[in-house]
Amino acid sequence: MGKEITLAYGGGGEETQKLIKDLFYRYFENPILLRGEDSGILPPLEGEIAFT
C-alpha cells in the first residue's frame, strides 16, 4: 500500500481488504474486528446484537 488512498480501495475487493488489514487493524485492533467479517456479534444485553 502506498502513501495515498485511491478510489480502488473503495470497491470492496482485494484493495479494500488490503487497506483494512494493513492500516485499520493496526489502530483498531480487537477480537471482533480481527475476524474480518462484515459484521460482529457484540456481547448481549438482552440478546445478541449485530453491529456493522
PDB file of N, CA and C in Angstrom:
ATOM      1  N   MET A   1       0.839  -1.171   0.000  1.00  0.00           N
ATOM      2  CA  MET A   1       0.000   0.000   0.000  1.00  0.00           C
ATOM      3  C   MET A   1       0.884   1.234   0.000  1.00  0.00           C
ATOM      4  N   GLY A   2       0.559   2.185  -0.834  1.00  0.00           N
ATOM      5  CA  GLY A   2       1.323   3.417  -0.926  1.00  0.00           C
ATOM      6  C   GLY A   2       0.905   4.435   0.118  1.00  0.00           C
ATOM      7  N   LYS A   3       1.316   5.660  -0.086  1.00  0.00           N
ATOM      8  CA  LYS A   3       1.007   6.729   0.858  1.00  0.00           C
ATOM      9  C   LYS A   3      -0.352   7.363   0.599  1.00  0.00           C
ATOM     10  N   GLU A   4      -0.965   7.049  -0.527  1.00  0.00           N
ATOM     11  CA  GLU A   4      -2.251   7.641  -0.882  1.00  0.00           C
ATOM     12  C   GLU A   4      -3.329   6.571  -0.943  1.00  0.00           C
ATOM     13  N   ILE A   5      -4.538   6.952  -0.564  1.00  0.00           N
ATOM     14  CA  ILE A   5      -5.696   6.072  -0.696  1.00  0.00           C
ATOM     15  C   ILE A   5      -6.430   6.504  -1.950  1.00  0.00           C
ATOM     16  N   THR A   6      -6.639   5.580  -2.881  1.00  0.00           N
ATOM     17  CA  THR A   6      -7.296   5.892  -4.147  1.00  0.00           C
ATOM     18  C   THR A   6      -8.706   5.297  -4.173  1.00  0.00           C
ATOM     19  N   LEU A   7      -9.436   5.595  -5.223  1.00  0.00           N
ATOM     20  CA  LEU A   7     -10.783   5.047  -5.390  1.00  0.00           C
ATOM     21  C   LEU A   7     -10.786   3.526  -5.444  1.00  0.00           C
ATOM     22  N   ALA A   8      -9.677   2.931  -5.868  1.00  0.00           N
ATOM     23  CA  ALA A   8      -9.598   1.469  -5.950  1.00  0.00           C
ATOM     24  C   ALA A   8      -9.837   0.815  -4.592  1.00  0.00           C
ATOM     25  N   TYR A   9      -9.508   1.511  -3.512  1.00  0.00           N
ATOM     26  CA  TYR A   9      -9.693   0.956  -2.177  1.00  0.00           C
ATOM     27  C   TYR A   9     -11.150   0.938  -1.747  1.00  0.00           C
ATOM     28  N   GLY A  10     -12.023   1.646  -2.426  1.00  0.00           N
ATOM     29  CA  GLY A  10     -13.421   1.725  -2.030  1.00  0.00           C
ATOM     30  C   GLY A  10     -14.334   0.735  -2.707  1.00  0.00           C
ATOM     31  N   GLY A  11     -13.784  -0.152  -3.522  1.00  0.00           N
ATOM     32  CA  GLY A  11     -14.608  -1.074  -4.289  1.00  0.00           C
ATOM     33  C   GLY A  11     -15.046  -2.323  -3.550  1.00  0.00           C
ATOM     34  N   GLY A  12     -14.527  -2.544  -2.362  1.00  0.00           N
ATOM     35  CA  GLY A  12     -14.932  -3.715  -1.591  1.00  0.00           C
ATOM     36  C   GLY A  12     -14.194  -4.991  -1.936  1.00  0.00           C
ATOM     37  N   GLY A  13     -13.215  -4.912  -2.807  1.00  0.00           N
ATOM     38  CA  GLY A  13     -12.482  -6.107  -3.213  1.00  0.00           C
ATOM     39  C   GLY A  13     -11.143  -6.249  -2.503  1.00  0.00           C
ATOM     40  N   GLU A  14     -10.170  -6.754  -3.256  1.00  0.00           N
ATOM     41  CA  GLU A  14      -8.844  -7.018  -2.691  1.00  0.00           C
ATOM     42  C   GLU A  14      -8.192  -5.764  -2.123  1.00  0.00           C
ATOM     43  N   GLU A  15      -8.307  -4.645  -2.811  1.00  0.00           N
ATOM     44  CA  GLU A  15      -7.670  -3.412  -2.341  1.00  0.00           C
ATOM     45  C   GLU A  15      -8.291  -2.936  -1.031  1.00  0.00           C
ATOM     46  N   THR A  16      -9.603  -3.093  -0.909  1.00  0.00           N
ATOM     47  CA  THR A  16     -10.273  -2.715   0.333  1.00  0.00           C
ATOM     48  C   THR A  16      -9.777  -3.586   1.479  1.00  0.00           C
ATOM     49  N   GLN A  17      -9.692  -4.884   1.250  1.00  0.00           N
ATOM     50  CA  GLN A  17      -9.218  -5.799   2.285  1.00  0.00           C
ATOM     51  C   GLN A  17      -7.779  -5.489   2.688  1.00  0.00           C
ATOM     52  N   LYS A  18      -6.955  -5.164   1.705  1.00  0.00           N
ATOM     53  CA  LYS A  18      -5.561  -4.816   1.986  1.00  0.00           C
ATOM     54  C   LYS A  18      -5.490  -3.543   2.839  1.00  0.00           C
ATOM     55  N   LEU A  19      -6.278  -2.542   2.510  1.00  0.00           N
ATOM     56  CA  LEU A  19      -6.311  -1.298   3.280  1.00  0.00           C
ATOM     57  C   LEU A  19      -6.724  -1.570   4.729  1.00  0.00           C
ATOM     58  N   ILE A  20      -7.762  -2.360   4.904  1.00  0.00           N
ATOM     59  CA  ILE A  20      -8.243  -2.670   6.253  1.00  0.00           C
ATOM     60  C   ILE A  20      -7.172  -3.403   7.050  1.00  0.00           C
ATOM     61  N   LYS A  21      -6.581  -4.433   6.445  1.00  0.00           N
ATOM     62  CA  LYS A  21      -5.582  -5.232   7.163  1.00  0.00           C
ATOM     63  C   LYS A  21      -4.299  -4.465   7.425  1.00  0.00           C
ATOM     64  N   ASP A  22      -3.835  -3.702   6.442  1.00  0.00           N
ATOM     65  CA  ASP A  22      -2.547  -3.018   6.571  1.00  0.00           C
ATOM     66  C   ASP A  22      -2.609  -1.730   7.372  1.00  0.00           C
ATOM     67  N   LEU A  23      -3.763  -1.087   7.434  1.00  0.00           N
ATOM     68  CA  LEU A  23      -3.848   0.202   8.103  1.00  0.00           C
ATOM     69  C   LEU A  23      -4.766   0.175   9.321  1.00  0.00           C
ATOM     70  N   PHE A  24      -6.024  -0.164   9.122  1.00  0.00           N
ATOM     71  CA  PHE A  24      -7.003  -0.019  10.191  1.00  0.00           C
ATOM     72  C   PHE A  24      -6.802  -1.008  11.330  1.00  0.00           C
ATOM     73  N   TYR A  25      -6.429  -2.251  11.040  1.00  0.00           N
ATOM     74  CA  TYR A  25      -6.237  -3.222  12.118  1.00  0.00           C
ATOM     75  C   TYR A  25      -5.170  -2.758  13.099  1.00  0.00           C
ATOM     76  N   ARG A  26      -4.197  -2.036  12.613  1.00  0.00           N
ATOM     77  CA  ARG A  26      -3.112  -1.546  13.466  1.00  0.00           C
ATOM     78  C   ARG A  26      -3.646  -0.617  14.565  1.00  0.00           C
ATOM     79  N   TYR A  27      -4.646   0.178  14.242  1.00  0.00           N
ATOM     80  CA  TYR A  27      -5.151   1.178  15.172  1.00  0.00           C
ATOM     81  C   TYR A  27      -6.421   0.763  15.909  1.00  0.00           C
ATOM     82  N   PHE A  28      -7.173  -0.153  15.344  1.00  0.00           N
ATOM     83  CA  PHE A  28      -8.451  -0.554  15.930  1.00  0.00           C
ATOM     84  C   PHE A  28      -8.470  -2.038  16.262  1.00  0.00           C
ATOM     85  N   GLU A  29      -7.338  -2.566  16.706  1.00  0.00           N
ATOM     86  CA  GLU A  29      -7.225  -4.000  16.950  1.00  0.00           C
ATOM     87  C   GLU A  29      -8.118  -4.428  18.119  1.00  0.00           C
ATOM     88  N   ASN A  30      -9.004  -5.358  17.835  1.00  0.00           N
ATOM     89  CA  ASN A  30      -9.810  -6.007  18.870  1.00  0.00           C
ATOM     90  C   ASN A  30     -10.337  -7.318  18.298  1.00  0.00           C
ATOM     91  N   PRO A  31     -10.754  -8.250  19.144  1.00  0.00           N
ATOM     92  CA  PRO A  31     -11.156  -9.579  18.670  1.00  0.00           C
ATOM     93  C   PRO A  31     -12.294  -9.567  17.651  1.00  0.00           C
ATOM     94  N   ILE A  32     -13.234  -8.655  17.796  1.00  0.00           N
ATOM     95  CA  ILE A  32     -14.357  -8.611  16.857  1.00  0.00           C
ATOM     96  C   ILE A  32     -13.878  -8.177  15.478  1.00  0.00           C
ATOM     97  N   LEU A  33     -13.065  -7.120  15.402  1.00  0.00           N
ATOM     98  CA  LEU A  33     -12.570  -6.641  14.107  1.00  0.00           C
ATOM     99  C   LEU A  33     -11.623  -7.630  13.449  1.00  0.00           C
ATOM    100  N   LEU A  34     -10.791  -8.303  14.230  1.00  0.00           N
ATOM    101  CA  LEU A  34      -9.799  -9.208  13.659  1.00  0.00           C
ATOM    102  C   LEU A  34     -10.413 -10.433  12.992  1.00  0.00           C
ATOM    103  N   ARG A  35     -11.682 -10.680  13.199  1.00  0.00           N
ATOM    104  CA  ARG A  35     -12.364 -11.768  12.487  1.00  0.00           C
ATOM    105  C   ARG A  35     -12.496 -11.441  10.996  1.00  0.00           C
ATOM    106  N   GLY A  36     -12.494 -10.164  10.661  1.00  0.00           N
ATOM    107  CA  GLY A  36     -12.559  -9.755   9.264  1.00  0.00           C
ATOM    108  C   GLY A  36     -13.896 -10.005   8.598  1.00  0.00           C
ATOM    109  N   GLU A  37     -14.940 -10.066   9.364  1.00  0.00           N
ATOM    110  CA  GLU A  37     -16.266 -10.328   8.814  1.00  0.00           C
ATOM    111  C   GLU A  37     -16.999  -9.019   8.530  1.00  0.00           C
ATOM    112  N   ASP A  38     -18.124  -9.101   7.837  1.00  0.00           N
ATOM    113  CA  ASP A  38     -18.923  -7.922   7.521  1.00  0.00           C
ATOM    114  C   ASP A  38     -19.642  -7.357   8.733  1.00  0.00           C
ATOM    115  N   SER A  39     -19.839  -8.183   9.735  1.00  0.00           N
ATOM    116  CA  SER A  39     -20.490  -7.724  10.960  1.00  0.00           C
ATOM    117  C   SER A  39     -19.865  -8.471  12.130  1.00  0.00           C
ATOM    118  N   GLY A  40     -20.176  -8.020  13.313  1.00  0.00           N
ATOM    119  CA  GLY A  40     -19.665  -8.680  14.504  1.00  0.00           C
ATOM    120  C   GLY A  40     -20.775  -8.871  15.509  1.00  0.00           C
ATOM    121  N   ILE A  41     -20.655  -9.911  16.312  1.00  0.00           N
ATOM    122  CA  ILE A  41     -21.634 -10.165  17.366  1.00  0.00           C
ATOM    123  C   ILE A  41     -21.095  -9.536  18.652  1.00  0.00           C
ATOM    124  N   LEU A  42     -21.848  -8.599  19.174  1.00  0.00           N
ATOM    125  CA  LEU A  42     -21.457  -7.903  20.394  1.00  0.00           C
ATOM    126  C   LEU A  42     -21.957  -8.666  21.611  1.00  0.00           C
ATOM    127  N   PRO A  43     -21.336  -8.445  22.760  1.00  0.00           N
ATOM    128  CA  PRO A  43     -21.821  -9.112  23.974  1.00  0.00           C
ATOM    129  C   PRO A  43     -23.289  -8.763  24.219  1.00  0.00           C
ATOM    130  N   PRO A  44     -24.069  -9.722  24.680  1.00  0.00           N
ATOM    131  CA  PRO A  44     -25.513  -9.490  24.823  1.00  0.00           C
ATOM    132  C   PRO A  44     -25.868  -8.549  25.968  1.00  0.00           C
ATOM    133  N   LEU A  45     -26.887  -7.778  25.717  1.00  0.00           N
ATOM    134  CA  LEU A  45     -27.527  -7.010  26.772  1.00  0.00           C
ATOM    135  C   LEU A  45     -28.760  -7.804  27.191  1.00  0.00           C
ATOM    136  N   GLU A  46     -29.671  -7.947  26.247  1.00  0.00           N
ATOM    137  CA  GLU A  46     -30.824  -8.829  26.413  1.00  0.00           C
ATOM    138  C   GLU A  46     -30.949  -9.665  25.155  1.00  0.00           C
ATOM    139  N   GLY A  47     -29.852 -10.203  24.693  1.00  0.00           N
ATOM    140  CA  GLY A  47     -29.774 -10.965  23.459  1.00  0.00           C
ATOM    141  C   GLY A  47     -28.562 -10.480  22.682  1.00  0.00           C
ATOM    142  N   GLU A  48     -28.355 -11.025  21.512  1.00  0.00           N
ATOM    143  CA  GLU A  48     -27.216 -10.638  20.690  1.00  0.00           C
ATOM    144  C   GLU A  48     -27.593  -9.514  19.751  1.00  0.00           C
ATOM    145  N   ILE A  49     -26.641  -8.643  19.486  1.00  0.00           N
ATOM    146  CA  ILE A  49     -26.849  -7.514  18.591  1.00  0.00           C
ATOM    147  C   ILE A  49     -25.788  -7.585  17.503  1.00  0.00           C
ATOM    148  N   ALA A  50     -26.188  -7.506  16.232  1.00  0.00           N
ATOM    149  CA  ALA A  50     -25.235  -7.445  15.129  1.00  0.00           C
ATOM    150  C   ALA A  50     -24.934  -5.985  14.841  1.00  0.00           C
ATOM    151  N   PHE A  51     -23.674  -5.654  14.797  1.00  0.00           N
ATOM    152  CA  PHE A  51     -23.229  -4.285  14.549  1.00  0.00           C
ATOM    153  C   PHE A  51     -22.363  -4.287  13.313  1.00  0.00           C
ATOM    154  N   THR A  52     -22.721  -3.521  12.276  1.00  0.00           N
ATOM    155  CA  THR A  52     -21.929  -3.486  11.048  1.00  0.00           C
ATOM    156  C   THR A  52     -21.385  -2.098  10.809  1.00  0.00           C
TER     157      THR A  52
END
